[in-house]
Amino acid sequence: MSDIDIRIEGHAGRITLNRPKALNAMTYEMCLAIEAAFDQWRDDDAVQLVLFDAAGDRAFCSGGDIADLYEQGTKGNFAYGQKFWADEYRLNHKIFTYPKPVISFLQGFTMGGGVGIGCHGSHRIVGESSQIAMPECGIGLVPDVGGSLLLALAPGRLGEYLGITATRMGPQDAIFSGFADHYIPELNWPDLIGKLMQTGDPDVISQAAKPASGGTFEGQMAQINTLFAGETLSDILTDLRHASGSFAETALKMIGRSSPLSAACTVEMMHRLRGPSLSMEKALELEYRFTYRASEHGDFLEGIRAAIIDKDRKPKWQYADADVPLAAVAKMLQPLGAQALKL
């Protein structure tokens, strides 16, 4: 059984992630196979839309399969990760700029690399089990795969909040934040997929959509905008420590699981990205500056060791007991020159 099932059915190019036991985590080979399909279908008139779904009910895609990156990085082979991220970001950009409708069905967990393939299409569908998050700071990365663009576009200071706390979004919050478009009960998905294959018309999606409920962000925006408005991570932490109430307390606890260097760079990225020059290209370029250096100079290898390899959940982060120096943030995000990302 292949890790990914790529075929044409009716008017649809279909891509089904097929690693349910691994929560459909995306391997390097899957990434390259998806890109090849997108290239092939771009000028194929038989394919009127592209449809992403995944096997099992626990996850659309829980992220990238990062064990190989750890193995190569600990051997000093940083080029492996640098090439992996460059190829993955090129795919994210292709999905975002694709000339045909790209529809994704995001059940269960959609995190990290799953956001990169599932949340950049034209029609992003969530159901009652959907849980979307950008938890990269917890393994010593920054929100990447184009996720920094979605965070920078989110209302108010929601980008900082989601990026450094890794808060999970249910269906309504995902739509409010700009990570999803339509809520459709999951029992109705097979019928909708059938109609999409049969008609090649994405308009059937809005006809099937229902109002989502259960979100919390809208009611928390005043707090989020006040407490996450700081210029740096240190400013945000100061504001949270001086605030009263369970919201600030929970946020502090969640930020405490993140690499301080990663969280500080995430806040800086949000500030750099917002504004008239915001684009997917700019977001991916900034992300790549960080991930290019993440294994050698960041906390990535230590984050993977603590979470995936030794599973002790006790990472030894840089700057764990001190403010992250501005120079350290600047170093991780400075231009790469000849090594800059090429899309």
Protein backbone atom coordinates (compact mmCIF):
# COMPACT_ATOMS: atom_id res chain seq x y z
CA MET A 1 0.00 0.00 0.00
CA SER A 2 1.47 3.32 -1.07
CA ASP A 3 1.87 6.29 1.31
CA ILE A 4 -0.05 8.42 -1.18
CA ASP A 5 -2.72 7.68 -3.79
CA ILE A 6 -2.66 10.01 -6.82
CA ARG A 7 -5.15 9.52 -9.65
CA ILE A 8 -7.75 11.22 -11.87
CA GLU A 9 -11.40 10.45 -11.11
CA GLY A 10 -14.08 12.16 -13.14
CA HIS A 11 -13.10 15.82 -13.53
CA ALA A 12 -10.88 15.78 -10.41
CA GLY A 13 -7.20 15.22 -9.85
CA ARG A 14 -7.27 13.32 -6.57
CA ILE A 15 -4.55 13.15 -3.93
CA THR A 16 -5.21 10.96 -0.88
CA LEU A 17 -2.62 10.89 1.92
CA ASN A 18 -2.42 7.28 3.05
CA ARG A 19 -0.38 6.90 6.25
CA PRO A 20 -3.21 6.84 8.80
CA LYS A 21 -1.13 5.06 11.47
CA ALA A 22 1.42 7.90 11.23
CA LEU A 23 -1.39 10.51 11.26
CA ASN A 24 -0.63 11.00 7.55
CA ALA A 25 2.66 12.75 8.32
CA MET A 26 4.23 13.81 5.03
CA THR A 27 7.48 12.24 3.87
CA TYR A 28 9.91 13.82 1.42
CA GLU A 29 8.78 11.33 -1.26
CA MET A 30 5.12 12.31 -0.76
CA CYS A 31 6.04 15.98 -1.13
CA LEU A 32 7.79 15.33 -4.46
CA ALA A 33 4.93 13.13 -5.71
CA ILE A 34 2.37 15.87 -4.98
CA GLU A 35 4.48 18.44 -6.80
CA ALA A 36 4.82 16.15 -9.85
CA ALA A 37 1.03 15.71 -9.95
CA PHE A 38 0.43 19.46 -9.74
CA ASP A 39 2.89 20.03 -12.59
CA GLN A 40 1.25 17.32 -14.70
CA TRP A 41 -2.32 18.51 -14.14
CA ARG A 42 -1.68 22.22 -14.66
CA ASP A 43 -2.27 22.01 -18.44
CA ASP A 44 -4.41 18.86 -18.48
CA ASP A 45 -7.94 19.88 -19.53
CA ALA A 46 -9.34 16.63 -18.10
CA VAL A 47 -8.48 17.91 -14.60
CA GLN A 48 -10.79 20.80 -13.67
CA LEU A 49 -9.96 20.84 -9.98
CA VAL A 50 -7.59 19.19 -7.50
CA LEU A 51 -8.95 17.42 -4.44
CA PHE A 52 -6.91 16.62 -1.30
CA ASP A 53 -8.15 14.18 1.31
CA ALA A 54 -6.63 11.63 3.68
CA ALA A 55 -7.18 8.11 4.97
CA GLY A 56 -8.45 7.52 8.52
CA ASP A 57 -10.39 9.87 10.73
CA ARG A 58 -7.69 11.08 13.14
CA ALA A 59 -5.73 13.42 10.88
CA PHE A 60 -5.58 15.07 7.49
CA CYS A 61 -1.83 15.52 7.99
CA SER A 62 -0.15 15.93 11.36
CA GLY A 63 3.01 17.51 9.90
CA GLY A 64 6.23 16.53 8.20
CA ASP A 65 8.02 13.26 8.91
CA ILE A 66 11.01 14.74 10.71
CA ALA A 67 12.93 11.69 11.92
CA ASP A 68 15.16 11.78 8.80
CA LEU A 69 15.93 15.46 9.33
CA TYR A 70 17.07 14.68 12.87
CA GLU A 71 19.21 11.73 11.80
CA GLN A 72 20.97 13.72 9.08
CA GLY A 73 21.30 16.87 11.22
CA THR A 74 22.95 15.03 14.11
CA LYS A 75 25.54 13.75 11.62
CA GLY A 76 26.28 17.32 10.59
CA ASN A 77 24.52 16.91 7.24
CA PHE A 78 22.58 20.20 7.34
CA ALA A 79 22.24 20.25 3.54
CA TYR A 80 19.64 17.46 3.69
CA GLY A 81 17.21 19.57 5.73
CA GLN A 82 17.97 22.69 3.70
CA LYS A 83 17.03 20.89 0.48
CA PHE A 84 13.96 19.28 2.07
CA TRP A 85 12.60 22.65 3.21
CA ALA A 86 13.38 24.35 -0.10
CA ASP A 87 11.50 21.62 -2.02
CA GLU A 88 8.59 21.66 0.45
CA TYR A 89 8.24 25.46 0.29
CA ARG A 90 8.27 25.33 -3.51
CA LEU A 91 5.28 22.96 -3.32
CA ASN A 92 3.48 25.23 -0.84
CA HIS A 93 3.95 28.14 -3.27
CA LYS A 94 2.67 26.02 -6.19
CA ILE A 95 -0.51 25.15 -4.31
CA PHE A 96 -1.06 28.79 -3.30
CA THR A 97 -0.63 30.11 -6.86
CA TYR A 98 -2.29 27.19 -8.72
CA PRO A 99 -4.55 28.30 -11.60
CA LYS A 100 -7.21 25.64 -10.88
CA PRO A 101 -9.37 25.19 -7.77
CA VAL A 102 -7.60 23.23 -5.02
CA ILE A 103 -9.98 21.72 -2.46
CA SER A 104 -8.91 20.13 0.83
CA PHE A 105 -10.88 18.11 3.39
CA LEU A 106 -9.22 18.73 6.74
CA GLN A 107 -10.44 16.18 9.28
CA GLY A 108 -8.75 15.68 12.63
CA PHE A 109 -5.26 17.09 13.03
CA THR A 110 -3.91 19.47 10.39
CA MET A 111 -0.61 20.77 11.70
CA GLY A 112 2.70 22.10 10.44
CA GLY A 113 3.41 20.53 7.04
CA GLY A 114 -0.28 19.60 6.83
CA VAL A 115 -1.15 23.31 6.85
CA GLY A 116 1.33 23.75 4.00
CA ILE A 117 -0.59 21.42 1.70
CA GLY A 118 -4.08 21.74 3.16
CA CYS A 119 -4.53 25.44 3.92
CA HIS A 120 -3.20 27.22 0.81
CA GLY A 121 -5.81 26.01 -1.68
CA SER A 122 -8.89 27.87 -2.86
CA HIS A 123 -11.47 25.84 -0.87
CA ARG A 124 -10.47 24.61 2.60
CA ILE A 125 -13.15 22.48 4.26
CA VAL A 126 -13.31 21.68 7.97
CA GLY A 127 -15.63 19.34 9.87
CA GLU A 128 -16.52 18.69 13.49
CA SER A 129 -13.25 16.83 14.25
CA SER A 130 -10.92 19.45 12.69
CA GLN A 131 -8.01 20.67 14.85
CA ILE A 132 -5.62 23.03 13.06
CA ALA A 133 -2.41 24.36 14.63
CA MET A 134 1.09 25.66 13.98
CA PRO A 135 3.12 23.97 16.79
CA GLU A 136 6.60 24.49 15.27
CA CYS A 137 8.03 26.61 18.10
CA GLY A 138 7.69 23.56 20.35
CA ILE A 139 10.30 21.70 18.28
CA GLY A 140 12.65 24.63 17.71
CA LEU A 141 11.30 25.82 14.36
CA VAL A 142 9.08 28.75 13.41
CA PRO A 143 5.63 28.53 11.79
CA ASP A 144 6.65 27.71 8.21
CA VAL A 145 5.30 26.04 5.03
CA GLY A 146 3.68 29.42 4.26
CA GLY A 147 1.91 29.35 7.63
CA SER A 148 3.56 32.64 8.59
CA LEU A 149 1.56 34.28 5.78
CA LEU A 150 -1.73 32.98 7.24
CA LEU A 151 -0.69 34.12 10.72
CA ALA A 152 0.27 37.59 9.50
CA LEU A 153 -3.10 37.90 7.72
CA ALA A 154 -5.13 36.74 10.75
CA PRO A 155 -7.17 39.40 12.59
CA GLY A 156 -5.38 41.66 15.07
CA ARG A 157 -2.57 39.99 17.01
CA LEU A 158 -3.96 36.50 16.53
CA GLY A 159 -0.84 35.61 14.49
CA GLU A 160 1.49 36.14 17.43
CA TYR A 161 -0.91 34.31 19.75
CA LEU A 162 -1.30 31.23 17.52
CA GLY A 163 2.37 31.19 16.49
CA ILE A 164 3.93 31.16 19.96
CA THR A 165 1.26 29.29 21.96
CA ALA A 166 0.48 26.59 19.32
CA THR A 167 -3.20 26.89 20.28
CA ARG A 168 -5.39 24.45 18.35
CA MET A 169 -8.25 25.79 16.28
CA GLY A 170 -11.56 23.99 15.99
CA PRO A 171 -13.67 24.55 12.85
CA GLN A 172 -15.14 27.96 13.69
CA ASP A 173 -11.85 29.40 14.99
CA ALA A 174 -10.03 28.07 11.91
CA ILE A 175 -12.48 29.92 9.66
CA PHE A 176 -12.28 33.10 11.80
CA SER A 177 -8.46 32.99 11.66
CA GLY A 178 -8.31 32.51 7.87
CA PHE A 179 -7.01 28.92 7.90
CA ALA A 180 -10.26 27.47 6.50
CA ASP A 181 -13.25 28.57 4.42
CA HIS A 182 -16.24 26.25 4.91
CA TYR A 183 -17.70 24.06 7.63
CA ILE A 184 -19.39 20.93 6.27
CA PRO A 185 -20.42 18.01 8.55
CA GLU A 186 -18.09 15.09 7.88
CA LEU A 187 -20.94 12.67 7.13
CA ASN A 188 -21.64 14.81 4.04
CA TRP A 189 -18.07 14.71 2.70
CA PRO A 190 -18.34 11.52 0.57
CA ASP A 191 -21.42 12.85 -1.22
CA LEU A 192 -19.74 16.22 -1.81
CA ILE A 193 -16.56 14.57 -3.14
CA GLY A 194 -18.75 12.57 -5.55
CA LYS A 195 -20.40 15.77 -6.81
CA LEU A 196 -17.04 17.51 -7.24
CA MET A 197 -15.66 14.61 -9.30
CA GLN A 198 -18.84 14.45 -11.35
CA THR A 199 -19.27 18.17 -12.06
CA GLY A 200 -15.78 19.65 -11.75
CA ASP A 201 -17.58 22.66 -10.24
CA PRO A 202 -16.39 23.97 -6.84
CA ASP A 203 -19.60 26.01 -6.43
CA VAL A 204 -21.26 22.87 -4.99
CA ILE A 205 -19.14 23.45 -1.85
CA SER A 206 -20.80 26.68 -0.73
CA GLN A 207 -24.20 25.06 -1.29
CA ALA A 208 -23.23 22.29 1.16
CA ALA A 209 -21.67 24.59 3.79
CA LYS A 210 -23.27 25.08 7.21
CA PRO A 211 -22.57 27.61 10.00
CA ALA A 212 -19.82 26.47 12.38
CA SER A 213 -20.10 26.91 16.14
CA GLY A 214 -18.01 26.57 19.28
CA GLY A 215 -15.27 29.09 18.53
CA THR A 216 -13.64 31.18 21.26
CA PHE A 217 -11.29 33.58 19.44
CA GLU A 218 -13.86 36.22 18.57
CA GLY A 219 -14.68 36.74 22.23
CA GLN A 220 -10.98 36.79 23.19
CA MET A 221 -9.77 39.29 20.60
CA ALA A 222 -9.65 42.26 22.99
CA GLN A 223 -7.34 40.31 25.33
CA ILE A 224 -5.26 38.90 22.47
CA ASN A 225 -4.77 42.35 20.92
CA THR A 226 -3.76 43.84 24.27
CA LEU A 227 -1.49 41.08 25.53
CA PHE A 228 0.22 40.13 22.25
CA ALA A 229 0.93 43.63 20.92
CA GLY A 230 4.50 43.79 22.27
CA GLU A 231 7.38 44.62 19.97
CA THR A 232 9.37 41.57 21.10
CA LEU A 233 8.76 38.23 22.82
CA SER A 234 10.09 39.77 26.06
CA ASP A 235 7.48 42.55 25.86
CA ILE A 236 4.68 40.01 25.34
CA LEU A 237 5.89 37.86 28.25
CA THR A 238 6.03 40.95 30.51
CA ASP A 239 2.47 41.90 29.59
CA LEU A 240 1.23 38.34 30.20
CA ARG A 241 2.97 38.09 33.59
CA HIS A 242 1.35 41.32 34.75
CA ALA A 243 -2.11 40.34 33.53
CA SER A 244 -4.62 38.60 35.75
CA GLY A 245 -6.97 35.81 34.78
CA SER A 246 -6.86 32.31 33.32
CA PHE A 247 -6.34 33.40 29.70
CA ALA A 248 -2.93 34.97 30.41
CA GLU A 249 -1.99 32.13 32.76
CA THR A 250 -2.74 29.47 30.12
CA ALA A 251 -0.96 31.43 27.38
CA LEU A 252 2.18 31.73 29.52
CA LYS A 253 2.16 28.01 30.22
CA MET A 254 1.85 27.21 26.49
CA ILE A 255 4.60 29.66 25.50
CA GLY A 256 6.76 28.00 28.15
CA ARG A 257 6.84 24.84 26.01
CA SER A 258 8.31 26.74 23.04
CA SER A 259 11.93 27.37 22.16
CA PRO A 260 12.51 30.99 23.27
CA LEU A 261 14.63 31.64 20.17
CA SER A 262 11.91 30.26 17.89
CA ALA A 263 9.17 32.24 19.65
CA ALA A 264 11.20 35.45 19.51
CA CYS A 265 11.84 34.96 15.79
CA THR A 266 8.13 34.22 15.21
CA VAL A 267 7.11 37.54 16.79
CA GLU A 268 9.72 39.35 14.69
CA MET A 269 8.50 37.60 11.53
CA MET A 270 4.91 38.72 12.16
CA HIS A 271 6.07 42.33 12.46
CA ARG A 272 8.21 42.15 9.33
CA LEU A 273 5.53 40.49 7.22
CA ARG A 274 2.56 42.71 8.00
CA GLY A 275 1.99 45.66 5.73
CA PRO A 276 1.65 46.47 2.05
CA SER A 277 4.48 44.18 0.89
CA LEU A 278 2.97 41.05 2.47
CA SER A 279 3.13 38.11 0.04
CA MET A 280 3.56 34.35 0.04
CA GLU A 281 6.98 34.79 -1.56
CA LYS A 282 8.14 37.10 1.25
CA ALA A 283 6.74 34.76 3.92
CA LEU A 284 8.46 31.67 2.50
CA GLU A 285 11.75 33.52 2.05
CA LEU A 286 11.73 34.66 5.70
CA GLU A 287 10.79 31.17 6.92
CA TYR A 288 13.60 29.64 4.89
CA ARG A 289 16.17 31.99 6.43
CA PHE A 290 15.28 30.45 9.78
CA THR A 291 14.89 26.81 8.78
CA TYR A 292 18.12 26.93 6.72
CA ARG A 293 19.94 27.70 9.99
CA ALA A 294 17.65 25.78 12.35
CA SER A 295 19.68 22.56 12.70
CA GLU A 296 23.08 24.22 13.03
CA HIS A 297 22.28 27.38 15.01
CA GLY A 298 18.72 26.98 16.31
CA ASP A 299 17.03 24.58 18.72
CA PHE A 300 15.58 22.21 16.11
CA LEU A 301 17.69 19.11 16.81
CA GLU A 302 17.19 19.49 20.57
CA GLY A 303 13.46 20.00 20.08
CA ILE A 304 13.16 16.80 18.04
CA ARG A 305 15.30 14.88 20.53
CA ALA A 306 13.03 15.86 23.41
CA ALA A 307 9.72 15.36 21.58
CA ILE A 308 10.30 12.45 19.19
CA ILE A 309 13.57 10.61 19.89
CA ASP A 310 14.03 10.42 23.69
CA LYS A 311 10.46 11.60 24.39
CA ASP A 312 11.56 13.08 27.73
CA ARG A 313 9.73 16.36 26.98
CA LYS A 314 12.60 18.24 28.64
CA PRO A 315 14.34 20.20 25.90
CA LYS A 316 17.39 22.23 26.87
CA TRP A 317 16.65 25.41 24.94
CA GLN A 318 19.04 28.25 24.26
CA TYR A 319 18.10 31.38 26.29
CA ALA A 320 15.88 29.30 28.59
CA ASP A 321 16.65 31.56 31.56
CA ALA A 322 17.18 34.91 29.86
CA ASP A 323 15.69 37.25 27.30
CA VAL A 324 16.54 36.32 23.72
CA PRO A 325 19.05 38.91 22.47
CA LEU A 326 17.93 40.96 19.47
CA ALA A 327 21.22 39.99 17.80
CA ALA A 328 20.29 36.28 18.00
CA VAL A 329 16.95 36.96 16.28
CA ALA A 330 18.65 39.10 13.63
CA LYS A 331 21.21 36.34 12.98
CA MET A 332 18.52 33.68 12.37
CA LEU A 333 16.55 35.94 10.02
CA GLN A 334 19.31 37.68 8.08
CA PRO A 335 19.33 37.26 4.26
CA LEU A 336 20.93 34.10 2.88
CA GLY A 337 22.55 35.69 -0.16
CA ALA A 338 23.35 33.06 -2.79
CA GLN A 339 21.57 30.39 -0.69
CA ALA A 340 18.26 32.31 -0.67
CA LEU A 341 15.11 30.34 -1.45
CA LYS A 342 14.37 29.95 -5.16
CA LEU A 343 10.74 29.20 -5.99
